[in-house]
């Protein structure tokens, strides 16, 4: 049970880091830059999990919110 809580906290920490990054930069991290590559890898992994039906509805919704943030910026640009 404790491992599940830690995993949940870790997932939300990464989510919040990526959300902050997108809020500031209006896009996903650049794969060519090492400093934020882990966030990009986290994003790709979770998108793949969502596509394969291995992500909870709550997490899918949160990932969609990140996608919407990116799209909103491009529409308002």
PDB file of N, CA and C in Angstrom:
ATOM      1  N   UNK A   1       0.817  -1.196   0.000  1.00  0.00           N
ATOM      2  CA  UNK A   1       0.000   0.000   0.000  1.00  0.00           C
ATOM      3  C   UNK A   1       0.862   1.262   0.000  1.00  0.00           C
ATOM      4  N   UNK A   2       1.932   1.250   0.770  1.00  0.00           N
ATOM      5  CA  UNK A   2       2.815   2.414   0.856  1.00  0.00           C
ATOM      6  C   UNK A   2       3.453   2.727  -0.501  1.00  0.00           C
ATOM      7  N   UNK A   3       3.846   1.697  -1.240  1.00  0.00           N
ATOM      8  CA  UNK A   3       4.457   1.906  -2.558  1.00  0.00           C
ATOM      9  C   UNK A   3       3.479   2.575  -3.516  1.00  0.00           C
ATOM     10  N   UNK A   4       2.210   2.254  -3.406  1.00  0.00           N
ATOM     11  CA  UNK A   4       1.205   2.874  -4.270  1.00  0.00           C
ATOM     12  C   UNK A   4       1.117   4.366  -3.983  1.00  0.00           C
ATOM     13  N   UNK A   5       1.143   4.744  -2.730  1.00  0.00           N
ATOM     14  CA  UNK A   5       1.089   6.159  -2.363  1.00  0.00           C
ATOM     15  C   UNK A   5       2.308   6.902  -2.893  1.00  0.00           C
ATOM     16  N   UNK A   6       3.485   6.297  -2.765  1.00  0.00           N
ATOM     17  CA  UNK A   6       4.710   6.926  -3.253  1.00  0.00           C
ATOM     18  C   UNK A   6       4.641   7.095  -4.768  1.00  0.00           C
ATOM     19  N   UNK A   7       4.189   6.073  -5.458  1.00  0.00           N
ATOM     20  CA  UNK A   7       4.065   6.137  -6.909  1.00  0.00           C
ATOM     21  C   UNK A   7       3.088   7.229  -7.319  1.00  0.00           C
ATOM     22  N   UNK A   8       1.991   7.333  -6.613  1.00  0.00           N
ATOM     23  CA  UNK A   8       0.988   8.359  -6.912  1.00  0.00           C
ATOM     24  C   UNK A   8       1.571   9.756  -6.694  1.00  0.00           C
ATOM     25  N   UNK A   9       2.284   9.933  -5.605  1.00  0.00           N
ATOM     26  CA  UNK A   9       2.910  11.225  -5.314  1.00  0.00           C
ATOM     27  C   UNK A   9       3.939  11.555  -6.392  1.00  0.00           C
ATOM     28  N   UNK A  10       4.745  10.582  -6.766  1.00  0.00           N
ATOM     29  CA  UNK A  10       5.764  10.791  -7.801  1.00  0.00           C
ATOM     30  C   UNK A  10       5.113  11.181  -9.130  1.00  0.00           C
ATOM     31  N   UNK A  11       4.030  10.510  -9.497  1.00  0.00           N
ATOM     32  CA  UNK A  11       3.348  10.816 -10.755  1.00  0.00           C
ATOM     33  C   UNK A  11       2.870  12.269 -10.755  1.00  0.00           C
ATOM     34  N   UNK A  12       2.263  12.678  -9.655  1.00  0.00           N
ATOM     35  CA  UNK A  12       1.745  14.047  -9.572  1.00  0.00           C
ATOM     36  C   UNK A  12       2.870  15.085  -9.512  1.00  0.00           C
ATOM     37  N   UNK A  13       3.990  14.723  -8.927  1.00  0.00           N
ATOM     38  CA  UNK A  13       5.143  15.635  -8.932  1.00  0.00           C
ATOM     39  C   UNK A  13       5.615  15.879 -10.362  1.00  0.00           C
ATOM     40  N   UNK A  14       5.761  14.803 -11.128  1.00  0.00           N
ATOM     41  CA  UNK A  14       6.182  14.940 -12.530  1.00  0.00           C
ATOM     42  C   UNK A  14       5.139  15.720 -13.333  1.00  0.00           C
ATOM     43  N   UNK A  15       3.876  15.424 -13.086  1.00  0.00           N
ATOM     44  CA  UNK A  15       2.804  16.142 -13.771  1.00  0.00           C
ATOM     45  C   UNK A  15       2.925  17.644 -13.507  1.00  0.00           C
ATOM     46  N   UNK A  16       3.091  18.012 -12.253  1.00  0.00           N
ATOM     47  CA  UNK A  16       3.176  19.429 -11.898  1.00  0.00           C
ATOM     48  C   UNK A  16       4.419  20.091 -12.481  1.00  0.00           C
ATOM     49  N   UNK A  17       5.528  19.369 -12.518  1.00  0.00           N
ATOM     50  CA  UNK A  17       6.734  19.919 -13.139  1.00  0.00           C
ATOM     51  C   UNK A  17       6.507  20.186 -14.628  1.00  0.00           C
ATOM     52  N   UNK A  18       5.877  19.239 -15.302  1.00  0.00           N
ATOM     53  CA  UNK A  18       5.616  19.422 -16.726  1.00  0.00           C
ATOM     54  C   UNK A  18       4.586  20.527 -16.952  1.00  0.00           C
ATOM     55  N   UNK A  19       3.594  20.592 -16.108  1.00  0.00           N
ATOM     56  CA  UNK A  19       2.589  21.658 -16.216  1.00  0.00           C
ATOM     57  C   UNK A  19       3.255  23.027 -16.066  1.00  0.00           C
ATOM     58  N   UNK A  20       4.136  23.156 -15.092  1.00  0.00           N
ATOM     59  CA  UNK A  20       4.862  24.416 -14.902  1.00  0.00           C
ATOM     60  C   UNK A  20       5.723  24.742 -16.119  1.00  0.00           C
ATOM     61  N   UNK A  21       6.360  23.719 -16.669  1.00  0.00           N
ATOM     62  CA  UNK A  21       7.206  23.923 -17.844  1.00  0.00           C
ATOM     63  C   UNK A  21       6.364  24.428 -19.022  1.00  0.00           C
ATOM     64  N   UNK A  22       5.238  23.780 -19.262  1.00  0.00           N
ATOM     65  CA  UNK A  22       4.373  24.179 -20.374  1.00  0.00           C
ATOM     66  C   UNK A  22       3.809  25.576 -20.144  1.00  0.00           C
ATOM     67  N   UNK A  23       3.458  25.889 -18.911  1.00  0.00           N
ATOM     68  CA  UNK A  23       2.948  27.223 -18.594  1.00  0.00           C
ATOM     69  C   UNK A  23       3.988  28.288 -18.927  1.00  0.00           C
ATOM     70  N   UNK A  24       5.225  28.002 -18.613  1.00  0.00           N
ATOM     71  CA  UNK A  24       6.293  28.974 -18.858  1.00  0.00           C
ATOM     72  C   UNK A  24       6.725  29.034 -20.318  1.00  0.00           C
ATOM     73  N   UNK A  25       6.853  27.866 -20.961  1.00  0.00           N
ATOM     74  CA  UNK A  25       7.440  27.810 -22.305  1.00  0.00           C
ATOM     75  C   UNK A  25       6.429  27.575 -23.427  1.00  0.00           C
ATOM     76  N   UNK A  26       5.222  27.166 -23.075  1.00  0.00           N
ATOM     77  CA  UNK A  26       4.134  26.940 -24.038  1.00  0.00           C
ATOM     78  C   UNK A  26       4.368  25.767 -24.984  1.00  0.00           C
ATOM     79  N   UNK A  27       5.245  24.872 -24.613  1.00  0.00           N
ATOM     80  CA  UNK A  27       5.492  23.672 -25.413  1.00  0.00           C
ATOM     81  C   UNK A  27       6.147  22.614 -24.535  1.00  0.00           C
ATOM     82  N   UNK A  28       6.254  21.414 -25.074  1.00  0.00           N
ATOM     83  CA  UNK A  28       6.950  20.342 -24.365  1.00  0.00           C
ATOM     84  C   UNK A  28       8.451  20.609 -24.375  1.00  0.00           C
ATOM     85  N   UNK A  29       9.175  19.998 -23.442  1.00  0.00           N
ATOM     86  CA  UNK A  29      10.633  20.156 -23.449  1.00  0.00           C
ATOM     87  C   UNK A  29      11.248  19.652 -24.753  1.00  0.00           C
ATOM     88  N   UNK A  30      12.342  20.257 -25.126  1.00  0.00           N
ATOM     89  CA  UNK A  30      13.068  19.885 -26.335  1.00  0.00           C
ATOM     90  C   UNK A  30      13.843  18.593 -26.088  1.00  0.00           C
ATOM     91  N   UNK A  31      13.669  17.625 -26.971  1.00  0.00           N
ATOM     92  CA  UNK A  31      14.349  16.338 -26.793  1.00  0.00           C
ATOM     93  C   UNK A  31      15.861  16.448 -26.941  1.00  0.00           C
ATOM     94  N   UNK A  32      16.335  17.531 -27.510  1.00  0.00           N
ATOM     95  CA  UNK A  32      17.771  17.703 -27.713  1.00  0.00           C
ATOM     96  C   UNK A  32      18.469  18.331 -26.512  1.00  0.00           C
ATOM     97  N   UNK A  33      17.688  18.776 -25.539  1.00  0.00           N
ATOM     98  CA  UNK A  33      18.269  19.403 -24.352  1.00  0.00           C
ATOM     99  C   UNK A  33      18.135  18.458 -23.160  1.00  0.00           C
ATOM    100  N   UNK A  34      19.243  18.149 -22.545  1.00  0.00           N
ATOM    101  CA  UNK A  34      19.274  17.174 -21.454  1.00  0.00           C
ATOM    102  C   UNK A  34      18.528  17.607 -20.204  1.00  0.00           C
ATOM    103  N   UNK A  35      18.507  18.900 -19.909  1.00  0.00           N
ATOM    104  CA  UNK A  35      18.012  19.341 -18.607  1.00  0.00           C
ATOM    105  C   UNK A  35      16.543  19.001 -18.343  1.00  0.00           C
ATOM    106  N   UNK A  36      15.731  18.884 -19.358  1.00  0.00           N
ATOM    107  CA  UNK A  36      14.323  18.555 -19.141  1.00  0.00           C
ATOM    108  C   UNK A  36      13.867  17.323 -19.917  1.00  0.00           C
ATOM    109  N   UNK A  37      14.807  16.553 -20.378  1.00  0.00           N
ATOM    110  CA  UNK A  37      14.461  15.371 -21.168  1.00  0.00           C
ATOM    111  C   UNK A  37      13.637  14.370 -20.368  1.00  0.00           C
ATOM    112  N   UNK A  38      13.875  14.292 -19.063  1.00  0.00           N
ATOM    113  CA  UNK A  38      13.109  13.336 -18.252  1.00  0.00           C
ATOM    114  C   UNK A  38      11.617  13.686 -18.255  1.00  0.00           C
ATOM    115  N   UNK A  39      11.301  14.968 -18.310  1.00  0.00           N
ATOM    116  CA  UNK A  39       9.884  15.362 -18.385  1.00  0.00           C
ATOM    117  C   UNK A  39       9.275  14.939 -19.717  1.00  0.00           C
ATOM    118  N   UNK A  40      10.023  15.108 -20.781  1.00  0.00           N
ATOM    119  CA  UNK A  40       9.537  14.685 -22.090  1.00  0.00           C
ATOM    120  C   UNK A  40       9.346  13.173 -22.126  1.00  0.00           C
ATOM    121  N   UNK A  41      10.305  12.443 -21.574  1.00  0.00           N
ATOM    122  CA  UNK A  41      10.176  10.984 -21.526  1.00  0.00           C
ATOM    123  C   UNK A  41       8.981  10.568 -20.682  1.00  0.00           C
ATOM    124  N   UNK A  42       8.740  11.250 -19.579  1.00  0.00           N
ATOM    125  CA  UNK A  42       7.581  10.968 -18.732  1.00  0.00           C
ATOM    126  C   UNK A  42       6.297  11.182 -19.530  1.00  0.00           C
ATOM    127  N   UNK A  43       6.243  12.276 -20.272  1.00  0.00           N
ATOM    128  CA  UNK A  43       5.078  12.601 -21.109  1.00  0.00           C
ATOM    129  C   UNK A  43       4.830  11.496 -22.141  1.00  0.00           C
ATOM    130  N   UNK A  44       5.870  11.127 -22.856  1.00  0.00           N
ATOM    131  CA  UNK A  44       5.734  10.105 -23.899  1.00  0.00           C
ATOM    132  C   UNK A  44       5.285   8.767 -23.312  1.00  0.00           C
ATOM    133  N   UNK A  45       5.879   8.384 -22.201  1.00  0.00           N
ATOM    134  CA  UNK A  45       5.523   7.122 -21.556  1.00  0.00           C
ATOM    135  C   UNK A  45       4.048   7.119 -21.157  1.00  0.00           C
ATOM    136  N   UNK A  46       3.597   8.195 -20.555  1.00  0.00           N
ATOM    137  CA  UNK A  46       2.213   8.253 -20.102  1.00  0.00           C
ATOM    138  C   UNK A  46       1.227   8.352 -21.260  1.00  0.00           C
ATOM    139  N   UNK A  47       1.594   9.028 -22.328  1.00  0.00           N
ATOM    140  CA  UNK A  47       0.731   9.066 -23.511  1.00  0.00           C
ATOM    141  C   UNK A  47       0.597   7.662 -24.109  1.00  0.00           C
ATOM    142  N   UNK A  48       1.707   6.922 -24.123  1.00  0.00           N
ATOM    143  CA  UNK A  48       1.682   5.549 -24.629  1.00  0.00           C
ATOM    144  C   UNK A  48       0.804   4.672 -23.732  1.00  0.00           C
ATOM    145  N   UNK A  49       0.930   4.846 -22.419  1.00  0.00           N
ATOM    146  CA  UNK A  49       0.088   4.091 -21.484  1.00  0.00           C
ATOM    147  C   UNK A  49      -1.388   4.409 -21.710  1.00  0.00           C
ATOM    148  N   UNK A  50      -1.694   5.674 -21.922  1.00  0.00           N
ATOM    149  CA  UNK A  50      -3.082   6.078 -22.164  1.00  0.00           C
ATOM    150  C   UNK A  50      -3.609   5.431 -23.442  1.00  0.00           C
ATOM    151  N   UNK A  51      -2.794   5.449 -24.469  1.00  0.00           N
ATOM    152  CA  UNK A  51      -3.193   4.866 -25.754  1.00  0.00           C
ATOM    153  C   UNK A  51      -3.453   3.364 -25.627  1.00  0.00           C
ATOM    154  N   UNK A  52      -2.676   2.707 -24.769  1.00  0.00           N
ATOM    155  CA  UNK A  52      -2.803   1.260 -24.586  1.00  0.00           C
ATOM    156  C   UNK A  52      -3.789   0.877 -23.486  1.00  0.00           C
ATOM    157  N   UNK A  53      -4.518   1.857 -22.959  1.00  0.00           N
ATOM    158  CA  UNK A  53      -5.524   1.576 -21.939  1.00  0.00           C
ATOM    159  C   UNK A  53      -4.956   1.232 -20.576  1.00  0.00           C
ATOM    160  N   UNK A  54      -3.742   1.671 -20.297  1.00  0.00           N
ATOM    161  CA  UNK A  54      -3.088   1.333 -19.030  1.00  0.00           C
ATOM    162  C   UNK A  54      -2.958   2.530 -18.096  1.00  0.00           C
ATOM    163  N   UNK A  55      -3.792   3.532 -18.311  1.00  0.00           N
ATOM    164  CA  UNK A  55      -3.746   4.726 -17.479  1.00  0.00           C
ATOM    165  C   UNK A  55      -5.139   4.973 -16.917  1.00  0.00           C
ATOM    166  N   UNK A  56      -5.194   5.371 -15.671  1.00  0.00           N
ATOM    167  CA  UNK A  56      -6.492   5.613 -15.035  1.00  0.00           C
ATOM    168  C   UNK A  56      -7.201   6.780 -15.723  1.00  0.00           C
ATOM    169  N   UNK A  57      -8.522   6.805 -15.643  1.00  0.00           N
ATOM    170  CA  UNK A  57      -9.273   7.925 -16.234  1.00  0.00           C
ATOM    171  C   UNK A  57      -8.832   9.282 -15.675  1.00  0.00           C
ATOM    172  N   UNK A  58      -8.509   9.333 -14.388  1.00  0.00           N
ATOM    173  CA  UNK A  58      -8.058  10.593 -13.782  1.00  0.00           C
ATOM    174  C   UNK A  58      -6.762  11.071 -14.435  1.00  0.00           C
ATOM    175  N   UNK A  59      -5.821  10.164 -14.590  1.00  0.00           N
ATOM    176  CA  UNK A  59      -4.538  10.542 -15.193  1.00  0.00           C
ATOM    177  C   UNK A  59      -4.702  10.907 -16.665  1.00  0.00           C
ATOM    178  N   UNK A  60      -5.562  10.190 -17.370  1.00  0.00           N
ATOM    179  CA  UNK A  60      -5.824  10.537 -18.773  1.00  0.00           C
ATOM    180  C   UNK A  60      -6.376  11.953 -18.874  1.00  0.00           C
ATOM    181  N   UNK A  61      -7.259  12.297 -17.960  1.00  0.00           N
ATOM    182  CA  UNK A  61      -7.843  13.641 -17.951  1.00  0.00           C
ATOM    183  C   UNK A  61      -6.764  14.696 -17.696  1.00  0.00           C
ATOM    184  N   UNK A  62      -5.875  14.423 -16.762  1.00  0.00           N
ATOM    185  CA  UNK A  62      -4.804  15.373 -16.462  1.00  0.00           C
ATOM    186  C   UNK A  62      -3.857  15.539 -17.650  1.00  0.00           C
ATOM    187  N   UNK A  63      -3.538  14.443 -18.328  1.00  0.00           N
ATOM    188  CA  UNK A  63      -2.690  14.550 -19.521  1.00  0.00           C
ATOM    189  C   UNK A  63      -3.385  15.350 -20.612  1.00  0.00           C
ATOM    190  N   UNK A  64      -4.688  15.164 -20.730  1.00  0.00           N
ATOM    191  CA  UNK A  64      -5.437  15.919 -21.731  1.00  0.00           C
ATOM    192  C   UNK A  64      -5.406  17.412 -21.412  1.00  0.00           C
ATOM    193  N   UNK A  65      -5.446  17.742 -20.137  1.00  0.00           N
ATOM    194  CA  UNK A  65      -5.352  19.151 -19.747  1.00  0.00           C
ATOM    195  C   UNK A  65      -4.021  19.755 -20.195  1.00  0.00           C
ATOM    196  N   UNK A  66      -2.946  18.979 -20.089  1.00  0.00           N
ATOM    197  CA  UNK A  66      -1.648  19.470 -20.566  1.00  0.00           C
ATOM    198  C   UNK A  66      -1.672  19.672 -22.076  1.00  0.00           C
ATOM    199  N   UNK A  67      -2.263  18.744 -22.784  1.00  0.00           N
ATOM    200  CA  UNK A  67      -2.381  18.887 -24.242  1.00  0.00           C
ATOM    201  C   UNK A  67      -3.193  20.125 -24.594  1.00  0.00           C
ATOM    202  N   UNK A  68      -4.267  20.334 -23.862  1.00  0.00           N
ATOM    203  CA  UNK A  68      -5.114  21.504 -24.110  1.00  0.00           C
ATOM    204  C   UNK A  68      -4.357  22.803 -23.854  1.00  0.00           C
ATOM    205  N   UNK A  69      -3.509  22.816 -22.834  1.00  0.00           N
ATOM    206  CA  UNK A  69      -2.710  24.009 -22.542  1.00  0.00           C
ATOM    207  C   UNK A  69      -1.809  24.348 -23.724  1.00  0.00           C
ATOM    208  N   UNK A  70      -1.193  23.332 -24.297  1.00  0.00           N
ATOM    209  CA  UNK A  70      -0.303  23.546 -25.445  1.00  0.00           C
ATOM    210  C   UNK A  70      -1.093  24.060 -26.640  1.00  0.00           C
ATOM    211  N   UNK A  71      -2.221  23.426 -26.915  1.00  0.00           N
ATOM    212  CA  UNK A  71      -3.035  23.818 -28.063  1.00  0.00           C
ATOM    213  C   UNK A  71      -3.586  25.227 -27.897  1.00  0.00           C
ATOM    214  N   UNK A  72      -3.981  25.566 -26.682  1.00  0.00           N
ATOM    215  CA  UNK A  72      -4.527  26.899 -26.421  1.00  0.00           C
ATOM    216  C   UNK A  72      -3.499  27.975 -26.753  1.00  0.00           C
ATOM    217  N   UNK A  73      -2.255  27.716 -26.406  1.00  0.00           N
ATOM    218  CA  UNK A  73      -1.207  28.686 -26.712  1.00  0.00           C
ATOM    219  C   UNK A  73      -1.078  28.882 -28.223  1.00  0.00           C
ATOM    220  N   UNK A  74      -1.071  27.782 -28.969  1.00  0.00           N
ATOM    221  CA  UNK A  74      -0.905  27.889 -30.418  1.00  0.00           C
ATOM    222  C   UNK A  74      -2.103  28.571 -31.073  1.00  0.00           C
ATOM    223  N   UNK A  75      -3.290  28.357 -30.532  1.00  0.00           N
ATOM    224  CA  UNK A  75      -4.474  29.009 -31.089  1.00  0.00           C
ATOM    225  C   UNK A  75      -4.478  30.506 -30.809  1.00  0.00           C
ATOM    226  N   UNK A  76      -3.898  30.901 -29.687  1.00  0.00           N
ATOM    227  CA  UNK A  76      -3.870  32.315 -29.310  1.00  0.00           C
ATOM    228  C   UNK A  76      -2.631  33.040 -29.815  1.00  0.00           C
ATOM    229  N   UNK A  77      -1.740  32.328 -30.463  1.00  0.00           N
ATOM    230  CA  UNK A  77      -0.478  32.909 -30.902  1.00  0.00           C
ATOM    231  C   UNK A  77      -0.652  33.777 -32.090  1.00  0.00           C
TER     232      UNK A  77
END
